[in-house]
C-alpha atoms as a PDB file:
ATOM      1  CA  MET A   1      28.049-177.011 112.065  1.00  0.00           C
ATOM      2  CA  GLN A   2      31.659-178.073 111.726  1.00  0.00           C
ATOM      3  CA  ILE A   3      34.249-176.109 113.647  1.00  0.00           C
ATOM      4  CA  GLY A   4      37.142-175.210 111.379  1.00  0.00           C
ATOM      5  CA  ARG A   5      40.406-173.323 111.450  1.00  0.00           C
ATOM      6  CA  ARG A   6      38.895-169.825 111.310  1.00  0.00           C
ATOM      7  CA  ASP A   7      36.591-170.600 114.216  1.00  0.00           C
ATOM      8  CA  ILE A   8      39.505-171.771 116.332  1.00  0.00           C
ATOM      9  CA  LEU A   9      41.502-168.650 115.486  1.00  0.00           C
ATOM     10  CA  LYS A  10      38.483-166.611 116.525  1.00  0.00           C
ATOM     11  CA  LEU A  11      38.313-168.605 119.734  1.00  0.00           C
ATOM     12  CA  ALA A  12      41.940-167.773 120.465  1.00  0.00           C
ATOM     13  CA  GLY A  13      41.057-164.104 120.063  1.00  0.00           C
ATOM     14  CA  ILE A  14      44.636-162.960 120.483  1.00  0.00           C
ATOM     15  CA  GLY A  15      46.402-164.310 117.432  1.00  0.00           C
ATOM     16  CA  GLY A  16      47.167-167.885 118.423  1.00  0.00           C
ATOM     17  CA  ILE A  17      48.845-170.358 116.081  1.00  0.00           C
ATOM     18  CA  VAL A  18      46.828-173.406 115.045  1.00  0.00           C
ATOM     19  CA  PHE A  19      48.099-176.741 113.791  1.00  0.00           C
ATOM     20  CA  SER A  20      46.955-180.356 113.740  1.00  0.00           C
ATOM     21  CA  THR A  21      48.428-182.956 116.038  1.00  0.00           C
ATOM     22  CA  GLY A  22      48.641-186.660 115.323  1.00  0.00           C
ATOM     23  CA  LEU A  23      45.713-188.084 117.247  1.00  0.00           C
ATOM     24  CA  PRO A  24      43.606-189.547 114.435  1.00  0.00           C
ATOM     25  CA  GLY A  25      42.051-191.887 116.964  1.00  0.00           C
ATOM     26  CA  VAL A  26      39.886-189.041 118.151  1.00  0.00           C
ATOM     27  CA  VAL A  27      38.486-188.825 114.638  1.00  0.00           C
ATOM     28  CA  LYS A  28      38.042-192.566 114.217  1.00  0.00           C
ATOM     29  CA  ALA A  29      36.710-193.249 117.683  1.00  0.00           C
ATOM     30  CA  LEU A  30      34.634-190.103 118.132  1.00  0.00           C
ATOM     31  CA  GLY A  31      33.823-189.140 114.568  1.00  0.00           C
ATOM     32  CA  LYS A  32      30.243-190.444 114.821  1.00  0.00           C
ATOM     33  CA  GLN A  33      29.454-188.535 117.985  1.00  0.00           C
ATOM     34  CA  SER A  34      27.268-185.473 117.786  1.00  0.00           C
ATOM     35  CA  ILE A  35      28.754-181.980 117.628  1.00  0.00           C
ATOM     36  CA  GLN A  36      27.877-181.279 121.268  1.00  0.00           C
ATOM     37  CA  ASP A  37      30.362-183.994 122.244  1.00  0.00           C
ATOM     38  CA  GLU A  38      33.224-181.873 120.974  1.00  0.00           C
ATOM     39  CA  PHE A  39      35.266-180.234 123.675  1.00  0.00           C
ATOM     40  CA  PHE A  40      38.470-178.383 124.341  1.00  0.00           C
ATOM     41  CA  PHE A  41      40.739-178.006 127.320  1.00  0.00           C
ATOM     42  CA  VAL A  42      43.425-175.468 128.176  1.00  0.00           C
ATOM     43  CA  GLN A  43      46.972-176.411 129.173  1.00  0.00           C
ATOM     44  CA  LEU A  44      49.127-174.087 131.279  1.00  0.00           C
ATOM     45  CA  SER A  45      52.553-174.980 132.582  1.00  0.00           C
ATOM     46  CA  ASP A  46      55.543-173.841 134.602  1.00  0.00           C
ATOM     47  CA  THR A  47      54.105-170.819 136.361  1.00  0.00           C
ATOM     48  CA  HIS A  48      56.876-170.951 139.017  1.00  0.00           C
ATOM     49  CA  TRP A  49      54.950-168.817 141.491  1.00  0.00           C
ATOM     50  CA  GLY A  50      57.516-167.387 143.905  1.00  0.00           C
ATOM     51  CA  PHE A  51      60.268-166.838 141.330  1.00  0.00           C
ATOM     52  CA  ASN A  52      61.435-163.370 142.318  1.00  0.00           C
ATOM     53  CA  ASP A  53      63.255-161.808 139.365  1.00  0.00           C
ATOM     54  CA  ALA A  54      61.217-158.623 138.853  1.00  0.00           C
ATOM     55  CA  LYS A  55      62.303-158.063 135.254  1.00  0.00           C
ATOM     56  CA  PHE A  56      60.461-161.208 134.193  1.00  0.00           C
ATOM     57  CA  ASN A  57      57.231-159.771 135.656  1.00  0.00           C
ATOM     58  CA  ALA A  58      57.099-162.830 137.879  1.00  0.00           C
ATOM     59  CA  GLY A  59      54.120-161.466 139.761  1.00  0.00           C
ATOM     60  CA  GLY A  60      52.096-160.686 136.652  1.00  0.00           C
ATOM     61  CA  THR A  61      52.195-163.442 134.049  1.00  0.00           C
ATOM     62  CA  LEU A  62      50.019-165.917 135.944  1.00  0.00           C
ATOM     63  CA  LEU A  63      47.420-163.197 136.484  1.00  0.00           C
ATOM     64  CA  LYS A  64      47.508-162.397 132.769  1.00  0.00           C
ATOM     65  CA  ALA A  65      47.076-166.072 131.924  1.00  0.00           C
ATOM     66  CA  VAL A  66      43.993-166.189 134.140  1.00  0.00           C
ATOM     67  CA  GLU A  67      42.634-163.204 132.184  1.00  0.00           C
ATOM     68  CA  VAL A  68      43.317-164.965 128.857  1.00  0.00           C
ATOM     69  CA  VAL A  69      41.491-168.129 129.939  1.00  0.00           C
ATOM     70  CA  ASN A  70      38.599-166.166 131.417  1.00  0.00           C
ATOM     71  CA  SER A  71      38.216-164.304 128.101  1.00  0.00           C
ATOM     72  CA  LEU A  72      37.617-167.508 126.123  1.00  0.00           C
ATOM     73  CA  ASP A  73      34.050-167.899 124.922  1.00  0.00           C
ATOM     74  CA  PRO A  74      32.936-170.609 125.224  1.00  0.00           C
ATOM     75  CA  GLN A  75      34.890-171.656 128.266  1.00  0.00           C
ATOM     76  CA  PRO A  76      36.996-174.844 128.131  1.00  0.00           C
ATOM     77  CA  ASP A  77      35.644-178.097 129.496  1.00  0.00           C
ATOM     78  CA  PHE A  78      38.543-178.161 131.928  1.00  0.00           C
ATOM     79  CA  ILE A  79      41.975-176.631 132.597  1.00  0.00           C
ATOM     80  CA  VAL A  80      45.208-178.490 133.310  1.00  0.00           C
ATOM     81  CA  PHE A  81      48.434-177.201 134.869  1.00  0.00           C
ATOM     82  CA  THR A  82      51.303-179.509 133.898  1.00  0.00           C
ATOM     83  CA  GLY A  83      53.653-178.842 136.797  1.00  0.00           C
ATOM     84  CA  ASP A  84      56.008-176.377 138.441  1.00  0.00           C
ATOM     85  CA  LEU A  85      53.096-174.472 139.864  1.00  0.00           C
ATOM     86  CA  THR A  86      55.499-172.868 142.351  1.00  0.00           C
ATOM     87  CA  HIS A  87      59.213-172.103 142.447  1.00  0.00           C
ATOM     88  CA  THR A  88      61.403-174.370 144.518  1.00  0.00           C
ATOM     89  CA  THR A  89      62.413-173.528 148.075  1.00  0.00           C
ATOM     90  CA  ASP A  90      64.126-175.419 150.888  1.00  0.00           C
ATOM     91  CA  ASP A  91      61.749-173.846 153.407  1.00  0.00           C
ATOM     92  CA  PRO A  92      58.634-176.039 153.933  1.00  0.00           C
ATOM     93  CA  GLN A  93      56.680-173.092 155.332  1.00  0.00           C
ATOM     94  CA  LEU A  94      57.531-170.887 152.337  1.00  0.00           C
ATOM     95  CA  ARG A  95      56.673-173.764 149.975  1.00  0.00           C
ATOM     96  CA  ARG A  96      53.183-173.939 151.472  1.00  0.00           C
ATOM     97  CA  ALA A  97      52.837-170.155 151.407  1.00  0.00           C
ATOM     98  CA  ARG A  98      53.593-170.139 147.687  1.00  0.00           C
ATOM     99  CA  MET A  99      51.117-172.939 147.070  1.00  0.00           C
ATOM    100  CA  THR A 100      48.501-171.004 149.016  1.00  0.00           C
ATOM    101  CA  GLU A 101      49.113-167.900 146.885  1.00  0.00           C
ATOM    102  CA  PHE A 102      49.024-169.915 143.666  1.00  0.00           C
ATOM    103  CA  ARG A 103      45.778-171.593 144.706  1.00  0.00           C
ATOM    104  CA  ASP A 104      44.234-168.220 145.565  1.00  0.00           C
ATOM    105  CA  ILE A 105      45.135-166.815 142.139  1.00  0.00           C
ATOM    106  CA  VAL A 106      43.748-169.741 140.137  1.00  0.00           C
ATOM    107  CA  ALA A 107      40.579-169.490 142.221  1.00  0.00           C
ATOM    108  CA  GLY A 108      39.945-166.473 139.985  1.00  0.00           C
ATOM    109  CA  LEU A 109      39.417-168.721 136.950  1.00  0.00           C
ATOM    110  CA  LYS A 110      35.800-168.803 135.828  1.00  0.00           C
ATOM    111  CA  ASN A 111      36.071-172.519 135.201  1.00  0.00           C
ATOM    112  CA  GLN A 112      37.005-174.361 138.373  1.00  0.00           C
ATOM    113  CA  ASN A 113      37.232-177.779 136.705  1.00  0.00           C
ATOM    114  CA  ILE A 114      41.014-177.758 137.084  1.00  0.00           C
ATOM    115  CA  ARG A 115      43.455-180.651 136.960  1.00  0.00           C
ATOM    116  CA  PHE A 116      46.880-180.194 138.554  1.00  0.00           C
ATOM    117  CA  LEU A 117      50.159-182.051 138.080  1.00  0.00           C
ATOM    118  CA  PRO A 118      53.310-181.576 140.152  1.00  0.00           C
ATOM    119  CA  GLY A 119      56.639-180.359 138.817  1.00  0.00           C
ATOM    120  CA  GLU A 120      60.006-181.004 140.413  1.00  0.00           C
ATOM    121  CA  HIS A 121      59.909-177.486 141.893  1.00  0.00           C
ATOM    122  CA  ASP A 122      56.702-178.451 143.699  1.00  0.00           C
ATOM    123  CA  ALA A 123      57.469-181.983 144.805  1.00  0.00           C
ATOM    124  CA  SER A 124      61.050-183.235 144.557  1.00  0.00           C
ATOM    125  CA  LEU A 125      62.342-181.902 147.885  1.00  0.00           C
ATOM    126  CA  ASP A 126      59.621-183.444 150.066  1.00  0.00           C
ATOM    127  CA  GLY A 127      58.365-186.334 147.938  1.00  0.00           C
ATOM    128  CA  GLY A 128      55.222-184.369 147.077  1.00  0.00           C
ATOM    129  CA  GLU A 129      54.022-184.039 150.686  1.00  0.00           C
ATOM    130  CA  ALA A 130      53.037-180.369 150.487  1.00  0.00           C
ATOM    131  CA  TYR A 131      51.689-180.750 146.956  1.00  0.00           C
ATOM    132  CA  ARG A 132      49.302-183.522 148.052  1.00  0.00           C
ATOM    133  CA  GLU A 133      48.012-181.333 150.896  1.00  0.00           C
ATOM    134  CA  PHE A 134      46.991-178.636 148.424  1.00  0.00           C
ATOM    135  CA  PHE A 135      46.278-180.381 145.109  1.00  0.00           C
ATOM    136  CA  GLY A 136      45.699-184.083 145.736  1.00  0.00           C
ATOM    137  CA  ASP A 137      47.128-187.184 144.095  1.00  0.00           C
ATOM    138  CA  LEU A 138      50.452-187.108 142.294  1.00  0.00           C
ATOM    139  CA  HIS A 139      49.175-189.475 139.575  1.00  0.00           C
ATOM    140  CA  TYR A 140      45.632-190.350 138.552  1.00  0.00           C
ATOM    141  CA  THR A 141      43.299-190.978 135.627  1.00  0.00           C
ATOM    142  CA  PHE A 142      40.013-189.545 134.405  1.00  0.00           C
ATOM    143  CA  ASP A 143      37.774-189.943 131.382  1.00  0.00           C
ATOM    144  CA  HIS A 144      36.151-187.189 129.379  1.00  0.00           C
ATOM    145  CA  LYS A 145      33.826-187.649 126.416  1.00  0.00           C
ATOM    146  CA  GLY A 146      35.402-190.854 125.147  1.00  0.00           C
ATOM    147  CA  ILE A 147      39.046-189.995 125.850  1.00  0.00           C
ATOM    148  CA  HIS A 148      41.049-191.600 128.652  1.00  0.00           C
ATOM    149  CA  PHE A 149      43.419-189.173 130.409  1.00  0.00           C
ATOM    150  CA  ILE A 150      46.417-190.395 132.421  1.00  0.00           C
ATOM    151  CA  ALA A 151      48.361-187.992 134.657  1.00  0.00           C
ATOM    152  CA  LEU A 152      51.827-189.321 135.536  1.00  0.00           C
ATOM    153  CA  ASP A 153      54.244-188.262 138.277  1.00  0.00           C
ATOM    154  CA  ASN A 154      57.860-188.190 137.095  1.00  0.00           C
ATOM    155  CA  VAL A 155      59.053-185.511 139.523  1.00  0.00           C
ATOM    156  CA  SER A 156      58.439-186.439 143.171  1.00  0.00           C
ATOM    157  CA  ASP A 157      61.443-188.769 142.984  1.00  0.00           C
ATOM    158  CA  PRO A 158      64.320-186.260 142.613  1.00  0.00           C
ATOM    159  CA  ARG A 159      66.146-188.804 140.435  1.00  0.00           C
ATOM    160  CA  ALA A 160      63.401-188.404 137.793  1.00  0.00           C
ATOM    161  CA  PHE A 161      62.060-191.956 138.073  1.00  0.00           C
ATOM    162  CA  MET A 162      58.364-192.825 138.036  1.00  0.00           C
ATOM    163  CA  GLY A 163      59.166-195.995 139.926  1.00  0.00           C
ATOM    164  CA  GLU A 164      58.027-199.595 139.661  1.00  0.00           C
ATOM    165  CA  ALA A 165      54.900-199.073 141.771  1.00  0.00           C
ATOM    166  CA  GLN A 166      53.580-196.320 139.492  1.00  0.00           C
ATOM    167  CA  LEU A 167      54.497-198.289 136.358  1.00  0.00           C
ATOM    168  CA  ALA A 168      52.568-201.264 137.726  1.00  0.00           C
ATOM    169  CA  TRP A 169      49.628-198.938 138.398  1.00  0.00           C
ATOM    170  CA  LEU A 170      49.872-197.661 134.799  1.00  0.00           C
ATOM    171  CA  ALA A 171      49.997-201.197 133.406  1.00  0.00           C
ATOM    172  CA  ALA A 172      46.929-202.187 135.432  1.00  0.00           C
ATOM    173  CA  ASP A 173      45.013-199.138 134.217  1.00  0.00           C
ATOM    174  CA  LEU A 174      45.916-199.746 130.566  1.00  0.00           C
ATOM    175  CA  GLU A 175      44.902-203.378 130.881  1.00  0.00           C
ATOM    176  CA  LYS A 176      41.315-202.151 131.357  1.00  0.00           C
ATOM    177  CA  GLN A 177      41.331-200.026 128.174  1.00  0.00           C
ATOM    178  CA  ASP A 178      40.388-201.036 124.652  1.00  0.00           C
ATOM    179  CA  LYS A 179      43.365-200.797 122.277  1.00  0.00           C
ATOM    180  CA  GLU A 180      41.472-198.247 120.149  1.00  0.00           C
ATOM    181  CA  THR A 181      40.552-196.002 123.076  1.00  0.00           C
ATOM    182  CA  PRO A 182      42.049-192.525 122.507  1.00  0.00           C
ATOM    183  CA  ILE A 183      44.514-191.799 125.317  1.00  0.00           C
ATOM    184  CA  ILE A 184      46.029-188.500 126.394  1.00  0.00           C
ATOM    185  CA  VAL A 185      48.969-188.629 128.795  1.00  0.00           C
ATOM    186  CA  LEU A 186      49.712-185.575 130.931  1.00  0.00           C
ATOM    187  CA  THR A 187      53.104-185.268 132.573  1.00  0.00           C
ATOM    188  CA  HIS A 188      55.706-182.709 133.593  1.00  0.00           C
ATOM    189  CA  ARG A 189      59.033-184.012 132.335  1.00  0.00           C
ATOM    190  CA  PRO A 190      59.296-185.476 128.828  1.00  0.00           C
ATOM    191  CA  LEU A 191      58.953-189.256 128.799  1.00  0.00           C
ATOM    192  CA  PHE A 192      61.642-189.544 126.104  1.00  0.00           C
ATOM    193  CA  ASP A 193      65.314-188.509 126.248  1.00  0.00           C
ATOM    194  CA  LEU A 194      65.130-184.947 124.950  1.00  0.00           C
ATOM    195  CA  ALA A 195      68.209-183.563 126.742  1.00  0.00           C
ATOM    196  CA  PRO A 196      69.142-185.892 129.596  1.00  0.00           C
ATOM    197  CA  GLN A 197      72.192-183.794 130.462  1.00  0.00           C
ATOM    198  CA  TRP A 198      69.790-180.963 131.341  1.00  0.00           C
ATOM    199  CA  GLY A 199      67.356-183.155 133.236  1.00  0.00           C
ATOM    200  CA  TRP A 200      64.980-183.142 130.273  1.00  0.00           C
ATOM    201  CA  SER A 201      64.062-186.810 130.403  1.00  0.00           C
ATOM    202  CA  THR A 202      62.455-189.448 132.630  1.00  0.00           C
ATOM    203  CA  LYS A 203      64.852-192.204 133.687  1.00  0.00           C
ATOM    204  CA  ASP A 204      62.237-194.927 133.263  1.00  0.00           C
ATOM    205  CA  GLY A 205      60.121-193.083 130.702  1.00  0.00           C
ATOM    206  CA  ALA A 206      60.867-195.720 128.057  1.00  0.00           C
ATOM    207  CA  LYS A 207      59.008-198.251 130.209  1.00  0.00           C
ATOM    208  CA  ALA A 208      55.901-196.056 130.207  1.00  0.00           C
ATOM    209  CA  ILE A 209      56.128-195.585 126.444  1.00  0.00           C
ATOM    210  CA  GLU A 210      56.488-199.347 125.995  1.00  0.00           C
ATOM    211  CA  LEU A 211      53.252-199.846 127.926  1.00  0.00           C
ATOM    212  CA  LEU A 212      51.504-197.247 125.748  1.00  0.00           C
ATOM    213  CA  MET A 213      52.791-198.486 122.375  1.00  0.00           C
ATOM    214  CA  PRO A 214      50.110-201.192 121.849  1.00  0.00           C
ATOM    215  CA  PHE A 215      47.456-198.459 121.908  1.00  0.00           C
ATOM    216  CA  GLU A 216      46.687-197.043 118.506  1.00  0.00           C
ATOM    217  CA  TYR A 217      45.854-193.470 119.520  1.00  0.00           C
ATOM    218  CA  VAL A 218      48.050-191.839 122.164  1.00  0.00           C
ATOM    219  CA  THR A 219      49.226-188.243 122.593  1.00  0.00           C
ATOM    220  CA  VAL A 220      51.448-186.850 125.362  1.00  0.00           C
ATOM    221  CA  PHE A 221      51.302-183.257 126.646  1.00  0.00           C
ATOM    222  CA  TYR A 222      54.069-182.134 128.995  1.00  0.00           C
ATOM    223  CA  GLY A 223      55.852-179.061 130.378  1.00  0.00           C
ATOM    224  CA  HIS A 224      59.248-178.589 132.058  1.00  0.00           C
ATOM    225  CA  ILE A 225      61.290-177.313 129.108  1.00  0.00           C
ATOM    226  CA  HIS A 226      59.713-173.830 128.922  1.00  0.00           C
ATOM    227  CA  GLN A 227      59.160-173.858 125.166  1.00  0.00           C
ATOM    228  CA  GLU A 228      57.053-175.412 122.443  1.00  0.00           C
ATOM    229  CA  HIS A 229      58.551-178.655 121.129  1.00  0.00           C
ATOM    230  CA  HIS A 230      57.136-181.556 119.104  1.00  0.00           C
ATOM    231  CA  HIS A 231      58.491-185.091 118.926  1.00  0.00           C
ATOM    232  CA  LYS A 232      57.335-188.608 118.068  1.00  0.00           C
ATOM    233  CA  THR A 233      58.309-191.963 119.543  1.00  0.00           C
ATOM    234  CA  GLY A 234      56.958-194.425 117.045  1.00  0.00           C
ATOM    235  CA  HIS A 235      53.349-193.385 116.438  1.00  0.00           C
ATOM    236  CA  ILE A 236      53.083-191.428 119.728  1.00  0.00           C
ATOM    237  CA  PRO A 237      53.408-187.610 119.444  1.00  0.00           C
ATOM    238  CA  HIS A 238      54.713-185.562 122.370  1.00  0.00           C
ATOM    239  CA  HIS A 239      53.968-181.812 122.687  1.00  0.00           C
ATOM    240  CA  SER A 240      55.611-179.559 125.253  1.00  0.00           C
ATOM    241  CA  ALA A 241      53.993-176.363 126.520  1.00  0.00           C
ATOM    242  CA  LYS A 242      55.494-172.918 126.856  1.00  0.00           C
ATOM    243  CA  SER A 243      56.181-171.534 130.301  1.00  0.00           C
ATOM    244  CA  LEU A 244      54.369-168.668 131.993  1.00  0.00           C
ATOM    245  CA  ILE A 245      57.525-167.266 133.589  1.00  0.00           C
ATOM    246  CA  PHE A 246      60.589-167.389 131.266  1.00  0.00           C
ATOM    247  CA  PRO A 247      61.654-169.300 128.127  1.00  0.00           C
ATOM    248  CA  LEU A 248      64.706-171.575 128.081  1.00  0.00           C
ATOM    249  CA  SER A 249      67.272-172.327 125.387  1.00  0.00           C
ATOM    250  CA  GLU A 250      66.686-175.011 122.770  1.00  0.00           C
ATOM    251  CA  PRO A 251      67.346-178.626 123.794  1.00  0.00           C
ATOM    252  CA  GLY A 252      71.051-179.471 123.774  1.00  0.00           C
ATOM    253  CA  SER A 253      72.078-176.108 122.271  1.00  0.00           C
ATOM    254  CA  ALA A 254      74.691-175.430 124.967  1.00  0.00           C
ATOM    255  CA  GLU A 255      76.519-177.202 127.767  1.00  0.00           C
ATOM    256  CA  LYS A 256      74.027-175.809 130.270  1.00  0.00           C
ATOM    257  CA  LYS A 257      70.425-174.743 129.793  1.00  0.00           C
ATOM    258  CA  GLN A 258      69.944-170.999 130.012  1.00  0.00           C
ATOM    259  CA  LYS A 259      67.087-168.544 130.306  1.00  0.00           C
ATOM    260  CA  ILE A 260      66.464-166.628 127.090  1.00  0.00           C
ATOM    261  CA  ALA A 261      67.685-163.058 127.601  1.00  0.00           C
ATOM    262  CA  TRP A 262      64.847-160.821 128.740  1.00  0.00           C
ATOM    263  CA  ASP A 263      63.770-158.198 126.189  1.00  0.00           C
ATOM    264  CA  SER A 264      62.150-155.132 127.731  1.00  0.00           C
ATOM    265  CA  ALA A 265      60.468-154.315 124.391  1.00  0.00           C
ATOM    266  CA  HIS A 266      58.863-157.777 124.316  1.00  0.00           C
ATOM    267  CA  PRO A 267      58.505-158.793 127.973  1.00  0.00           C
ATOM    268  CA  TYR A 268      56.222-161.779 127.282  1.00  0.00           C
ATOM    269  CA  GLN A 269      58.106-163.157 124.295  1.00  0.00           C
ATOM    270  CA  GLY A 270      58.228-166.931 124.342  1.00  0.00           C
ATOM    271  CA  LEU A 271      55.543-167.269 127.010  1.00  0.00           C
ATOM    272  CA  GLY A 272      52.087-168.700 126.497  1.00  0.00           C
ATOM    273  CA  LEU A 273      49.441-171.345 127.016  1.00  0.00           C
ATOM    274  CA  ARG A 274      47.367-173.491 124.691  1.00  0.00           C
ATOM    275  CA  SER A 275      43.941-174.859 123.985  1.00  0.00           C
ATOM    276  CA  VAL A 276      43.470-178.395 122.664  1.00  0.00           C
ATOM    277  CA  ARG A 277      40.234-179.122 120.816  1.00  0.00           C
ATOM    278  CA  THR A 278      38.633-182.279 119.509  1.00  0.00           C
ATOM    279  CA  ALA A 279      37.423-181.874 115.953  1.00  0.00           C
ATOM    280  CA  GLY A 280      33.950-182.542 114.637  1.00  0.00           C
ATOM    281  CA  GLY A 281      34.545-183.809 111.116  1.00  0.00           C
ATOM    282  CA  MET A 282      36.078-186.992 109.781  1.00  0.00           C
ATOM    283  CA  GLU A 283      38.706-184.969 107.890  1.00  0.00           C
ATOM    284  CA  GLU A 284      39.826-183.128 111.040  1.00  0.00           C
ATOM    285  CA  ASN A 285      42.217-184.075 113.859  1.00  0.00           C
ATOM    286  CA  PHE A 286      42.901-182.651 117.279  1.00  0.00           C
ATOM    287  CA  ARG A 287      43.692-178.963 116.986  1.00  0.00           C
ATOM    288  CA  ILE A 288      46.190-177.154 119.188  1.00  0.00           C
ATOM    289  CA  THR A 289      45.923-173.387 119.488  1.00  0.00           C
ATOM    290  CA  GLU A 290      48.918-171.625 121.024  1.00  0.00           C
ATOM    291  CA  LEU A 291      47.794-168.599 123.023  1.00  0.00           C
ATOM    292  CA  PRO A 292      50.473-165.988 123.755  1.00  0.00           C
ATOM    293  CA  VAL A 293      50.488-163.788 126.831  1.00  0.00           C
ATOM    294  CA  LYS A 294      50.557-160.114 125.848  1.00  0.00           C
ATOM    295  CA  LYS A 295      51.110-156.899 127.727  1.00  0.00           C
ATOM    296  CA  GLY A 296      48.320-154.435 128.147  1.00  0.00           C
END
């Protein structure tokens, strides 16, 4: 049975928005696989555990997100957090306390196949030392049902560089991949220059994109900007995720980035998470379902 738009809306269960993303390689490369090889994963981002402004319900949105993910039936194949798990602090002991609390909360997820990425709030002040103690490598790869996933670190260097060593690692990994292998890149900051004046870029991101360009089917999922945004560099689409703490102003809309004014009547406006599903038919593409966080 082919999974279509209505089924995905039913899966969301709470009125998510569905649209297709440009990863036709999943169709071409996986279109002959059986229906049981379909899968979906959930992306969450920018939880900023430890942010202490009570009006944003800082202590509640992550818990609500856990409830949303636990309510999905079937459960996702895996879950990914694309950075800023915790809110920044100069105190190494407090940083580790926040990471401990975050880890304890996500231990409540039914599905414990979880992939973590650092954000600058987690890793820029100590080069990722505390993050590695709790969550492991800052960059890594894994494969899942015919798709090659690459998690990049563009935050542990406070200057927003990935660095030559990591770029060499990326080049060596890509050298092993067939040019038609579907690739999903996971990162925190955007790899392209979205709003460099706000820190919404990666200084050497163009080098990573150059390495990825020879591959026919690549999609990038990132966080950092606290809103949904879609962009293409050549044939490569980039999709940002909403935050689970507060939304930010649109890229380049003001001299300085600003939090969207909190609305007591709509306390979770602009917040959310998403599921990303492979499709089962040749006429389908990847499907992204945006899942809002709601009160109640």
